[in-house]
């Protein structure tokens, strides 16, 4: 008795490349359709076990979820480093601007301390 086995996964795929890697590692006939994992094959001789393919699909989904979580951690780390670098550049520009404005007004930079992401300036002005 022939039949068509159609199993649809529950995980929504957000990163296609990672999903393809998960499918290649398992190599079990699972495809991606509408951002979900799907197994859809015609079984002419009753050689495909539906419960086994369900387990394979679950295995692919868990592998994809693991890969996606690792990807999210890497992206979050890169984003955090990029933001810290932008903040550092902005702090340096503000410090240079403050020093330049102080010199225009006749102040002299006596001491500059940069620590803990803060800038402390000691300015001196002589009035005669």
Protein backbone atom coordinates (compact mmCIF):
# COMPACT_ATOMS: atom_id res chain seq x y z
CA UNK A 1 0.00 0.00 0.00
CA UNK A 2 1.55 3.28 -1.06
CA UNK A 3 1.15 6.54 0.78
CA UNK A 4 2.49 10.06 1.00
CA UNK A 5 4.30 10.96 4.20
CA UNK A 6 3.94 14.63 5.05
CA UNK A 7 5.51 15.93 8.26
CA UNK A 8 5.73 19.66 8.98
CA UNK A 9 8.02 21.15 11.65
CA UNK A 10 7.03 23.74 14.22
CA UNK A 11 10.16 25.90 14.31
CA UNK A 12 10.08 29.06 12.19
CA UNK A 13 13.38 29.49 10.38
CA UNK A 14 14.95 32.93 10.65
CA UNK A 15 18.42 32.22 9.24
CA UNK A 16 18.27 30.03 6.10
CA UNK A 17 22.03 29.34 5.99
CA UNK A 18 21.98 27.79 9.47
CA UNK A 19 18.93 25.71 8.54
CA UNK A 20 20.70 24.36 5.46
CA UNK A 21 23.74 23.45 7.59
CA UNK A 22 21.50 21.54 10.01
CA UNK A 23 19.85 19.65 7.15
CA UNK A 24 23.23 18.76 5.62
CA UNK A 25 24.51 17.40 8.92
CA UNK A 26 21.50 15.08 9.27
CA UNK A 27 21.02 14.29 5.54
CA UNK A 28 17.58 12.73 5.91
CA UNK A 29 15.45 14.15 3.07
CA UNK A 30 14.09 17.16 4.95
CA UNK A 31 13.46 20.36 2.99
CA UNK A 32 12.69 23.99 3.76
CA UNK A 33 9.25 25.20 2.68
CA UNK A 34 7.81 28.56 3.76
CA UNK A 35 10.48 28.98 6.45
CA UNK A 36 9.70 25.65 8.10
CA UNK A 37 11.26 22.20 7.98
CA UNK A 38 9.13 19.77 5.97
CA UNK A 39 9.42 16.09 5.05
CA UNK A 40 7.15 15.25 2.13
CA UNK A 41 7.80 12.05 0.15
CA UNK A 42 5.86 9.39 -1.67
CA UNK A 43 6.36 5.98 -0.06
CA UNK A 44 5.61 3.39 -2.73
CA UNK A 45 6.77 0.29 -0.86
CA UNK A 46 6.11 1.20 2.79
CA UNK A 47 9.82 1.49 3.56
CA UNK A 48 9.72 4.87 5.29
CA UNK A 49 8.79 4.95 8.96
CA UNK A 50 6.76 8.03 9.85
CA UNK A 51 7.83 7.98 13.51
CA UNK A 52 11.50 7.76 12.49
CA UNK A 53 11.15 10.73 10.15
CA UNK A 54 9.38 12.68 12.92
CA UNK A 55 12.40 12.02 15.16
CA UNK A 56 14.74 13.10 12.35
CA UNK A 57 12.75 16.31 11.89
CA UNK A 58 12.90 17.03 15.64
CA UNK A 59 16.65 16.37 15.57
CA UNK A 60 17.13 18.85 12.70
CA UNK A 61 15.02 21.45 14.52
CA UNK A 62 17.02 21.14 17.75
CA UNK A 63 20.29 21.34 15.84
CA UNK A 64 19.05 24.47 14.06
CA UNK A 65 17.98 26.05 17.36
CA UNK A 66 21.43 25.38 18.86
CA UNK A 67 23.17 26.91 15.85
CA UNK A 68 20.83 29.91 15.87
CA UNK A 69 21.44 30.57 19.60
CA UNK A 70 25.21 30.51 19.03
CA UNK A 71 24.75 32.89 16.10
CA UNK A 72 22.69 35.29 18.24
CA UNK A 73 25.35 35.31 20.97
CA UNK A 74 28.06 36.17 18.43
CA UNK A 75 25.97 38.92 16.85
CA UNK A 76 25.13 40.40 20.28
CA UNK A 77 28.82 40.40 21.23
CA UNK A 78 29.82 42.10 17.96
CA UNK A 79 27.06 44.68 18.40
CA UNK A 80 28.15 45.40 22.00
CA UNK A 81 31.78 45.91 20.90
CA UNK A 82 30.70 48.18 18.05
CA UNK A 83 28.61 50.33 20.40
CA UNK A 84 31.45 50.59 22.93
CA UNK A 85 33.83 51.73 20.18
CA UNK A 86 31.34 54.37 18.97
CA UNK A 87 30.93 55.66 22.53
CA UNK A 88 34.71 55.86 22.99
CA UNK A 89 35.12 57.86 19.79
CA UNK A 90 32.29 60.20 20.81
CA UNK A 91 33.84 60.77 24.27
CA UNK A 92 37.19 61.62 22.69
CA UNK A 93 35.57 64.11 20.30
CA UNK A 94 33.69 65.78 23.15
CA UNK A 95 36.86 66.01 25.26
CA UNK A 96 38.80 67.56 22.38
CA UNK A 97 35.98 70.04 21.77
CA UNK A 98 35.83 71.01 25.46
CA UNK A 99 39.60 71.54 25.58
CA UNK A 100 39.54 73.61 22.39
CA UNK A 101 36.69 75.79 23.71
CA UNK A 102 38.52 76.29 27.02
CA UNK A 103 41.69 77.38 25.23
CA UNK A 104 39.68 79.88 23.19
CA UNK A 105 38.40 81.42 26.42
CA UNK A 106 41.91 81.72 27.83
CA UNK A 107 42.06 78.65 30.03
CA UNK A 108 45.10 76.44 30.23
CA UNK A 109 44.80 72.67 30.64
CA UNK A 110 46.49 71.83 33.91
CA UNK A 111 45.46 68.20 34.35
CA UNK A 112 43.50 65.60 32.38
CA UNK A 113 42.39 62.27 33.84
CA UNK A 114 40.68 59.60 31.71
CA UNK A 115 39.41 56.63 33.69
CA UNK A 116 36.24 54.56 34.01
CA UNK A 117 34.90 55.97 30.72
CA UNK A 118 34.96 59.49 32.22
CA UNK A 119 37.15 62.49 31.54
CA UNK A 120 38.17 64.86 34.30
CA UNK A 121 39.73 68.18 33.29
CA UNK A 122 41.42 70.71 35.52
CA UNK A 123 41.55 74.07 33.80
CA UNK A 124 43.46 77.13 34.97
CA UNK A 125 42.98 80.77 34.02
CA UNK A 126 45.06 83.68 35.12
CA UNK A 127 43.32 86.97 35.46
CA UNK A 128 45.46 90.09 35.72
